[in-house]
Amino acid sequence: MFGLWTSAVLLTLVSRVTVANADDLETLYDRRVASVNRTTSAGKSKIADYLATIQPDGTWAAVNYTAGCGAQRSSWPAGDHWGRILSMAAAYRGKVAGYRDDPNLLSAIRLAMGYWFANDYSTIGDGSCMDRDYVQPNNCPCGTPGLWNENWF
């Protein structure tokens, strides 16, 4: 009897679940892209500058990548790296004339993202700093490699 009742409850719950179809997801995606494009600063000269100055390792000389305990504690300058990626992504999606679906721009975006993900401190070592940041005595020591800051905000 218990098994039948449990099955009935589960079937009732499952019947009330709304499943998103591909069209719904596409609508959400399109709306999000449009929102990002509206709110992201990207101009032709800015994108041209980012493309001209990105280094072979995916960084920009104009961005301060100082990380760890010695990094600026608020408004972390390394965050500008992602601001540049966001501007380039908006241009790639059509915000800036001449850059929509540009393969060189896409390569630069991938290069910049690759640099960050390869150096993000959560991907270096065992990632244990992510869950022990403020738990003494196991917090991340100042020499922990990678892109991180003591104060993320």
N, C-alpha and C. Protein backbone atom coordinates (compact mmCIF):
# COMPACT_ATOMS: atom_id res chain seq x y z
N MET A 1 0.82 -1.19 0.00
CA MET A 1 0.00 0.00 0.00
C MET A 1 0.86 1.25 0.00
N PHE A 2 1.96 1.23 0.80
CA PHE A 2 2.84 2.39 0.87
C PHE A 2 3.46 2.68 -0.49
N GLY A 3 3.89 1.66 -1.21
CA GLY A 3 4.50 1.84 -2.52
C GLY A 3 3.54 2.46 -3.51
N LEU A 4 2.29 2.07 -3.46
CA LEU A 4 1.28 2.62 -4.36
C LEU A 4 1.03 4.09 -4.05
N TRP A 5 0.94 4.42 -2.76
CA TRP A 5 0.72 5.81 -2.36
C TRP A 5 1.90 6.69 -2.78
N THR A 6 3.12 6.22 -2.55
CA THR A 6 4.32 6.95 -2.94
C THR A 6 4.35 7.17 -4.44
N SER A 7 4.00 6.15 -5.19
CA SER A 7 3.97 6.28 -6.65
C SER A 7 2.95 7.30 -7.09
N ALA A 8 1.79 7.31 -6.43
CA ALA A 8 0.74 8.27 -6.78
C ALA A 8 1.20 9.70 -6.51
N VAL A 9 1.86 9.91 -5.39
CA VAL A 9 2.36 11.25 -5.06
C VAL A 9 3.41 11.68 -6.07
N LEU A 10 4.34 10.80 -6.38
CA LEU A 10 5.39 11.13 -7.34
C LEU A 10 4.81 11.43 -8.72
N LEU A 11 3.86 10.64 -9.15
CA LEU A 11 3.23 10.90 -10.45
C LEU A 11 2.50 12.24 -10.46
N THR A 12 1.86 12.58 -9.36
CA THR A 12 1.18 13.88 -9.26
C THR A 12 2.19 15.01 -9.36
N LEU A 13 3.30 14.88 -8.64
CA LEU A 13 4.33 15.92 -8.69
C LEU A 13 4.94 16.04 -10.07
N VAL A 14 5.25 14.93 -10.69
CA VAL A 14 5.86 14.94 -12.02
C VAL A 14 4.91 15.56 -13.04
N SER A 15 3.62 15.31 -12.88
CA SER A 15 2.65 15.86 -13.84
C SER A 15 2.56 17.37 -13.74
N ARG A 16 3.00 17.94 -12.64
CA ARG A 16 2.93 19.39 -12.46
C ARG A 16 4.23 20.10 -12.85
N VAL A 17 5.22 19.36 -13.21
CA VAL A 17 6.51 19.93 -13.62
C VAL A 17 6.37 20.54 -15.01
N THR A 18 6.86 21.75 -15.16
CA THR A 18 6.87 22.40 -16.46
C THR A 18 8.23 22.18 -17.09
N VAL A 19 8.23 21.66 -18.27
CA VAL A 19 9.48 21.40 -18.98
C VAL A 19 9.68 22.51 -20.00
N ALA A 20 10.84 23.14 -19.94
CA ALA A 20 11.15 24.19 -20.92
C ALA A 20 11.54 23.53 -22.23
N ASN A 21 10.97 24.02 -23.30
CA ASN A 21 11.37 23.47 -24.59
C ASN A 21 12.44 24.35 -25.22
N ALA A 22 12.98 23.92 -26.31
CA ALA A 22 14.09 24.63 -26.95
C ALA A 22 13.71 26.06 -27.33
N ASP A 23 12.47 26.28 -27.76
CA ASP A 23 12.04 27.63 -28.12
C ASP A 23 12.07 28.57 -26.92
N ASP A 24 11.66 28.06 -25.75
CA ASP A 24 11.70 28.88 -24.53
C ASP A 24 13.13 29.25 -24.17
N LEU A 25 14.01 28.30 -24.26
CA LEU A 25 15.42 28.56 -23.93
C LEU A 25 16.03 29.54 -24.92
N GLU A 26 15.69 29.40 -26.18
CA GLU A 26 16.19 30.32 -27.21
C GLU A 26 15.69 31.74 -26.94
N THR A 27 14.44 31.86 -26.52
CA THR A 27 13.87 33.17 -26.18
C THR A 27 14.63 33.79 -25.02
N LEU A 28 14.87 33.01 -23.98
CA LEU A 28 15.63 33.51 -22.83
C LEU A 28 17.03 33.95 -23.24
N TYR A 29 17.68 33.13 -24.04
CA TYR A 29 19.03 33.45 -24.51
C TYR A 29 19.03 34.74 -25.32
N ASP A 30 18.12 34.87 -26.26
CA ASP A 30 18.05 36.07 -27.10
C ASP A 30 17.79 37.32 -26.27
N ARG A 31 16.92 37.21 -25.29
CA ARG A 31 16.63 38.36 -24.42
C ARG A 31 17.85 38.74 -23.59
N ARG A 32 18.56 37.75 -23.11
CA ARG A 32 19.75 38.03 -22.30
C ARG A 32 20.84 38.69 -23.14
N VAL A 33 21.05 38.18 -24.35
CA VAL A 33 22.05 38.78 -25.25
C VAL A 33 21.66 40.22 -25.56
N ALA A 34 20.39 40.47 -25.84
CA ALA A 34 19.94 41.83 -26.13
C ALA A 34 20.16 42.75 -24.93
N SER A 35 19.90 42.24 -23.73
CA SER A 35 20.11 43.03 -22.52
C SER A 35 21.58 43.37 -22.32
N VAL A 36 22.44 42.40 -22.51
CA VAL A 36 23.88 42.63 -22.38
C VAL A 36 24.35 43.64 -23.42
N ASN A 37 23.89 43.49 -24.64
CA ASN A 37 24.29 44.43 -25.70
C ASN A 37 23.84 45.85 -25.39
N ARG A 38 22.65 46.01 -24.82
CA ARG A 38 22.15 47.35 -24.48
C ARG A 38 22.98 48.00 -23.38
N THR A 39 23.45 47.22 -22.44
CA THR A 39 24.09 47.79 -21.25
C THR A 39 25.61 47.74 -21.27
N THR A 40 26.19 47.22 -22.32
CA THR A 40 27.64 47.09 -22.39
C THR A 40 28.23 48.18 -23.26
N SER A 41 29.28 48.79 -22.75
CA SER A 41 29.98 49.83 -23.50
C SER A 41 30.93 49.18 -24.50
N ALA A 42 30.68 49.44 -25.77
CA ALA A 42 31.55 48.89 -26.82
C ALA A 42 31.47 49.81 -28.02
N GLY A 43 32.61 50.30 -28.45
CA GLY A 43 32.68 51.14 -29.64
C GLY A 43 33.73 50.60 -30.59
N LYS A 44 33.65 51.04 -31.81
CA LYS A 44 34.56 50.53 -32.85
C LYS A 44 36.02 50.76 -32.47
N SER A 45 36.36 51.95 -31.99
CA SER A 45 37.76 52.23 -31.66
C SER A 45 38.21 51.43 -30.43
N LYS A 46 37.31 51.23 -29.47
CA LYS A 46 37.64 50.45 -28.29
C LYS A 46 37.93 48.99 -28.68
N ILE A 47 37.09 48.41 -29.51
CA ILE A 47 37.27 47.02 -29.92
C ILE A 47 38.55 46.88 -30.75
N ALA A 48 38.78 47.84 -31.63
CA ALA A 48 40.00 47.80 -32.44
C ALA A 48 41.24 47.87 -31.54
N ASP A 49 41.17 48.69 -30.50
CA ASP A 49 42.29 48.80 -29.56
C ASP A 49 42.50 47.48 -28.81
N TYR A 50 41.42 46.87 -28.34
CA TYR A 50 41.55 45.61 -27.63
C TYR A 50 42.17 44.54 -28.52
N LEU A 51 41.74 44.49 -29.76
CA LEU A 51 42.30 43.50 -30.70
C LEU A 51 43.77 43.76 -30.99
N ALA A 52 44.13 45.03 -31.09
CA ALA A 52 45.51 45.39 -31.43
C ALA A 52 46.47 45.18 -30.25
N THR A 53 45.93 45.23 -29.03
CA THR A 53 46.82 45.21 -27.87
C THR A 53 46.77 43.91 -27.06
N ILE A 54 45.90 42.98 -27.44
CA ILE A 54 45.89 41.71 -26.70
C ILE A 54 47.21 40.99 -26.97
N GLN A 55 47.80 40.47 -25.91
CA GLN A 55 49.10 39.81 -26.02
C GLN A 55 48.91 38.32 -26.33
N PRO A 56 49.96 37.66 -26.79
CA PRO A 56 49.84 36.24 -27.16
C PRO A 56 49.34 35.33 -26.04
N ASP A 57 49.52 35.76 -24.79
CA ASP A 57 49.05 34.93 -23.68
C ASP A 57 47.61 35.23 -23.27
N GLY A 58 46.96 36.21 -23.94
CA GLY A 58 45.57 36.53 -23.64
C GLY A 58 45.39 37.65 -22.64
N THR A 59 46.45 38.36 -22.30
CA THR A 59 46.37 39.49 -21.37
C THR A 59 46.52 40.80 -22.14
N TRP A 60 46.30 41.90 -21.43
CA TRP A 60 46.56 43.23 -21.97
C TRP A 60 47.54 43.93 -21.04
N ALA A 61 48.54 44.58 -21.61
CA ALA A 61 49.54 45.30 -20.81
C ALA A 61 48.91 46.40 -19.97
N ALA A 62 47.80 46.97 -20.43
CA ALA A 62 47.16 48.07 -19.73
C ALA A 62 46.34 47.62 -18.52
N VAL A 63 46.17 46.33 -18.34
CA VAL A 63 45.40 45.80 -17.21
C VAL A 63 46.38 45.39 -16.11
N ASN A 64 46.10 45.80 -14.89
CA ASN A 64 46.92 45.46 -13.74
C ASN A 64 46.44 44.10 -13.20
N TYR A 65 47.25 43.08 -13.39
CA TYR A 65 46.89 41.72 -12.97
C TYR A 65 47.45 41.35 -11.61
N THR A 66 47.92 42.31 -10.83
CA THR A 66 48.43 42.00 -9.51
C THR A 66 47.35 41.27 -8.72
N ALA A 67 47.72 40.12 -8.16
CA ALA A 67 46.74 39.28 -7.48
C ALA A 67 47.24 38.92 -6.09
N GLY A 68 46.37 38.32 -5.32
CA GLY A 68 46.72 37.85 -3.99
C GLY A 68 46.70 38.96 -2.97
N CYS A 69 47.50 38.79 -1.92
CA CYS A 69 47.50 39.73 -0.81
C CYS A 69 48.01 41.11 -1.21
N GLY A 70 48.85 41.19 -2.24
CA GLY A 70 49.39 42.48 -2.66
C GLY A 70 48.49 43.25 -3.60
N ALA A 71 47.36 42.69 -3.97
CA ALA A 71 46.47 43.33 -4.93
C ALA A 71 45.64 44.43 -4.27
N GLN A 72 45.23 45.37 -5.07
CA GLN A 72 44.31 46.41 -4.61
C GLN A 72 43.08 45.73 -4.04
N ARG A 73 42.65 46.14 -2.85
CA ARG A 73 41.59 45.42 -2.14
C ARG A 73 40.18 45.72 -2.63
N SER A 74 39.96 46.86 -3.22
CA SER A 74 38.62 47.15 -3.73
C SER A 74 38.73 47.56 -5.19
N SER A 75 37.67 47.36 -5.93
CA SER A 75 37.67 47.64 -7.37
C SER A 75 38.91 47.03 -8.02
N TRP A 76 39.06 45.76 -7.84
CA TRP A 76 40.23 45.02 -8.30
C TRP A 76 40.48 45.28 -9.78
N PRO A 77 41.62 45.88 -10.13
CA PRO A 77 41.90 46.24 -11.53
C PRO A 77 41.91 45.06 -12.50
N ALA A 78 42.25 43.86 -12.01
CA ALA A 78 42.26 42.70 -12.90
C ALA A 78 40.87 42.40 -13.45
N GLY A 79 39.84 42.89 -12.78
CA GLY A 79 38.47 42.73 -13.27
C GLY A 79 38.25 43.42 -14.61
N ASP A 80 39.11 44.39 -14.94
CA ASP A 80 39.01 45.05 -16.25
C ASP A 80 39.19 44.05 -17.39
N HIS A 81 39.90 42.96 -17.11
CA HIS A 81 40.08 41.91 -18.11
C HIS A 81 38.71 41.42 -18.60
N TRP A 82 37.80 41.16 -17.64
CA TRP A 82 36.45 40.68 -18.01
C TRP A 82 35.62 41.78 -18.63
N GLY A 83 35.85 43.03 -18.25
CA GLY A 83 35.14 44.13 -18.90
C GLY A 83 35.48 44.20 -20.38
N ARG A 84 36.73 43.95 -20.70
CA ARG A 84 37.15 43.94 -22.10
C ARG A 84 36.53 42.76 -22.85
N ILE A 85 36.51 41.61 -22.21
CA ILE A 85 35.89 40.43 -22.84
C ILE A 85 34.41 40.70 -23.10
N LEU A 86 33.73 41.29 -22.14
CA LEU A 86 32.31 41.59 -22.30
C LEU A 86 32.07 42.54 -23.46
N SER A 87 32.88 43.58 -23.57
CA SER A 87 32.75 44.53 -24.69
C SER A 87 32.98 43.83 -26.02
N MET A 88 33.99 42.97 -26.06
CA MET A 88 34.27 42.24 -27.30
C MET A 88 33.14 41.27 -27.64
N ALA A 89 32.57 40.64 -26.63
CA ALA A 89 31.47 39.71 -26.86
C ALA A 89 30.25 40.44 -27.40
N ALA A 90 29.97 41.63 -26.87
CA ALA A 90 28.85 42.43 -27.37
C ALA A 90 29.09 42.82 -28.82
N ALA A 91 30.32 43.19 -29.14
CA ALA A 91 30.65 43.54 -30.53
C ALA A 91 30.48 42.32 -31.43
N TYR A 92 30.89 41.18 -30.95
CA TYR A 92 30.78 39.95 -31.74
C TYR A 92 29.32 39.60 -32.02
N ARG A 93 28.44 39.92 -31.07
CA ARG A 93 27.02 39.63 -31.24
C ARG A 93 26.27 40.74 -31.98
N GLY A 94 27.01 41.73 -32.50
CA GLY A 94 26.39 42.72 -33.38
C GLY A 94 26.26 44.12 -32.86
N LYS A 95 26.75 44.41 -31.66
CA LYS A 95 26.62 45.76 -31.13
C LYS A 95 27.46 46.77 -31.91
N VAL A 96 28.59 46.34 -32.44
CA VAL A 96 29.49 47.24 -33.16
C VAL A 96 29.57 46.80 -34.62
N ALA A 97 29.23 47.73 -35.50
CA ALA A 97 29.23 47.43 -36.94
C ALA A 97 30.61 46.93 -37.37
N GLY A 98 30.58 45.89 -38.17
CA GLY A 98 31.82 45.35 -38.72
C GLY A 98 32.44 44.23 -37.89
N TYR A 99 31.92 43.99 -36.70
CA TYR A 99 32.50 42.96 -35.84
C TYR A 99 31.58 41.76 -35.60
N ARG A 100 30.37 41.80 -36.09
CA ARG A 100 29.45 40.67 -35.88
C ARG A 100 30.04 39.41 -36.52
N ASP A 101 30.13 38.36 -35.71
CA ASP A 101 30.64 37.05 -36.16
C ASP A 101 32.04 37.12 -36.75
N ASP A 102 32.83 38.10 -36.33
CA ASP A 102 34.20 38.25 -36.83
C ASP A 102 35.09 37.16 -36.22
N PRO A 103 35.71 36.32 -37.05
CA PRO A 103 36.52 35.21 -36.51
C PRO A 103 37.75 35.68 -35.73
N ASN A 104 38.34 36.80 -36.10
CA ASN A 104 39.49 37.32 -35.34
C ASN A 104 39.06 37.78 -33.96
N LEU A 105 37.90 38.39 -33.89
CA LEU A 105 37.38 38.83 -32.60
C LEU A 105 37.06 37.62 -31.72
N LEU A 106 36.46 36.61 -32.30
CA LEU A 106 36.16 35.39 -31.54
C LEU A 106 37.44 34.74 -31.02
N SER A 107 38.47 34.72 -31.83
CA SER A 107 39.76 34.15 -31.39
C SER A 107 40.32 34.93 -30.21
N ALA A 108 40.21 36.26 -30.25
CA ALA A 108 40.71 37.09 -29.15
C ALA A 108 39.89 36.85 -27.88
N ILE A 109 38.58 36.72 -28.02
CA ILE A 109 37.73 36.44 -26.86
C ILE A 109 38.13 35.10 -26.23
N ARG A 110 38.31 34.11 -27.06
CA ARG A 110 38.70 32.78 -26.55
C ARG A 110 40.08 32.82 -25.90
N LEU A 111 41.00 33.56 -26.48
CA LEU A 111 42.35 33.69 -25.92
C LEU A 111 42.29 34.34 -24.54
N ALA A 112 41.53 35.43 -24.42
CA ALA A 112 41.42 36.14 -23.15
C ALA A 112 40.73 35.29 -22.09
N MET A 113 39.67 34.60 -22.48
CA MET A 113 38.99 33.72 -21.52
C MET A 113 39.89 32.55 -21.13
N GLY A 114 40.63 32.03 -22.09
CA GLY A 114 41.54 30.93 -21.81
C GLY A 114 42.59 31.32 -20.79
N TYR A 115 43.13 32.55 -20.92
CA TYR A 115 44.11 33.01 -19.95
C TYR A 115 43.50 33.02 -18.55
N TRP A 116 42.32 33.62 -18.43
CA TRP A 116 41.72 33.75 -17.11
C TRP A 116 41.44 32.38 -16.49
N PHE A 117 40.81 31.50 -17.25
CA PHE A 117 40.45 30.20 -16.70
C PHE A 117 41.68 29.36 -16.37
N ALA A 118 42.75 29.53 -17.12
CA ALA A 118 43.98 28.79 -16.83
C ALA A 118 44.67 29.31 -15.57
N ASN A 119 44.38 30.55 -15.18
CA ASN A 119 45.05 31.16 -14.04
C ASN A 119 44.13 31.47 -12.88
N ASP A 120 42.88 31.15 -12.99
CA ASP A 120 41.94 31.37 -11.91
C ASP A 120 42.34 30.49 -10.73
N TYR A 121 42.41 31.06 -9.55
CA TYR A 121 42.94 30.27 -8.43
C TYR A 121 42.06 29.09 -8.08
N SER A 122 40.82 29.09 -8.48
CA SER A 122 39.97 27.94 -8.18
C SER A 122 40.31 26.73 -9.04
N THR A 123 41.09 26.94 -10.11
CA THR A 123 41.45 25.83 -10.98
C THR A 123 42.90 25.40 -10.81
N ILE A 124 43.62 26.06 -9.91
CA ILE A 124 45.02 25.72 -9.66
C ILE A 124 45.08 24.85 -8.41
N GLY A 125 45.83 23.80 -8.47
CA GLY A 125 45.93 22.90 -7.33
C GLY A 125 44.63 22.13 -7.15
N ASP A 126 44.26 21.94 -5.88
CA ASP A 126 43.05 21.15 -5.61
C ASP A 126 41.81 22.03 -5.43
N GLY A 127 41.95 23.33 -5.58
CA GLY A 127 40.80 24.22 -5.47
C GLY A 127 40.31 24.42 -4.05
N SER A 128 41.07 23.94 -3.06
CA SER A 128 40.58 23.98 -1.69
C SER A 128 40.47 25.40 -1.12
N CYS A 129 41.15 26.36 -1.73
CA CYS A 129 41.02 27.73 -1.24
C CYS A 129 39.59 28.24 -1.41
N MET A 130 38.88 27.70 -2.38
CA MET A 130 37.52 28.16 -2.63
C MET A 130 36.62 27.94 -1.43
N ASP A 131 36.82 26.88 -0.69
CA ASP A 131 35.93 26.61 0.42
C ASP A 131 36.57 26.85 1.79
N ARG A 132 37.79 27.39 1.79
CA ARG A 132 38.46 27.63 3.07
C ARG A 132 38.96 29.06 3.19
N ASP A 133 38.46 29.96 2.38
CA ASP A 133 38.96 31.33 2.36
C ASP A 133 39.08 31.94 3.76
N TYR A 134 38.04 31.87 4.54
CA TYR A 134 38.04 32.58 5.81
C TYR A 134 37.95 31.65 7.01
N VAL A 135 38.30 30.39 6.83
CA VAL A 135 38.29 29.43 7.92
C VAL A 135 39.72 29.30 8.42
N GLN A 136 39.99 29.80 9.59
CA GLN A 136 41.33 29.74 10.16
C GLN A 136 41.60 28.33 10.67
N PRO A 137 42.77 27.79 10.63
CA PRO A 137 43.98 28.36 10.05
C PRO A 137 44.16 27.94 8.59
N ASN A 138 43.14 27.48 7.95
CA ASN A 138 43.28 26.92 6.61
C ASN A 138 42.96 27.91 5.50
N ASN A 139 43.01 29.20 5.78
CA ASN A 139 42.72 30.15 4.71
C ASN A 139 43.85 30.15 3.68
N CYS A 140 43.60 30.73 2.55
CA CYS A 140 44.61 30.75 1.48
C CYS A 140 45.77 31.64 1.88
N PRO A 141 46.97 31.11 1.89
CA PRO A 141 48.12 31.94 2.21
C PRO A 141 48.40 32.94 1.09
N CYS A 142 49.10 34.00 1.42
CA CYS A 142 49.37 35.06 0.45
C CYS A 142 50.09 34.55 -0.80
N GLY A 143 50.84 33.51 -0.71
CA GLY A 143 51.57 33.00 -1.87
C GLY A 143 50.75 32.09 -2.78
N THR A 144 49.47 31.93 -2.49
CA THR A 144 48.63 31.06 -3.34
C THR A 144 48.66 31.59 -4.77
N PRO A 145 49.02 30.75 -5.72
CA PRO A 145 49.11 31.23 -7.10
C PRO A 145 47.73 31.48 -7.72
N GLY A 146 47.73 32.24 -8.79
CA GLY A 146 46.50 32.45 -9.55
C GLY A 146 45.91 33.82 -9.36
N LEU A 147 44.83 34.06 -10.07
CA LEU A 147 44.14 35.34 -10.04
C LEU A 147 43.12 35.33 -8.91
N TRP A 148 43.43 36.04 -7.84
CA TRP A 148 42.51 36.16 -6.72
C TRP A 148 42.83 37.42 -5.94
N ASN A 149 41.92 37.80 -5.09
CA ASN A 149 42.03 39.01 -4.30
C ASN A 149 41.43 38.73 -2.93
N GLU A 150 41.95 39.38 -1.92
CA GLU A 150 41.41 39.17 -0.57
C GLU A 150 39.98 39.68 -0.43
N ASN A 151 39.64 40.67 -1.21
CA ASN A 151 38.31 41.28 -1.14
C ASN A 151 37.72 41.31 -2.54
N TRP A 152 36.72 40.50 -2.80
CA TRP A 152 36.17 40.39 -4.16
C TRP A 152 35.25 41.54 -4.52
N PHE A 153 34.89 42.38 -3.59
CA PHE A 153 33.93 43.44 -3.90
C PHE A 153 34.57 44.77 -3.84
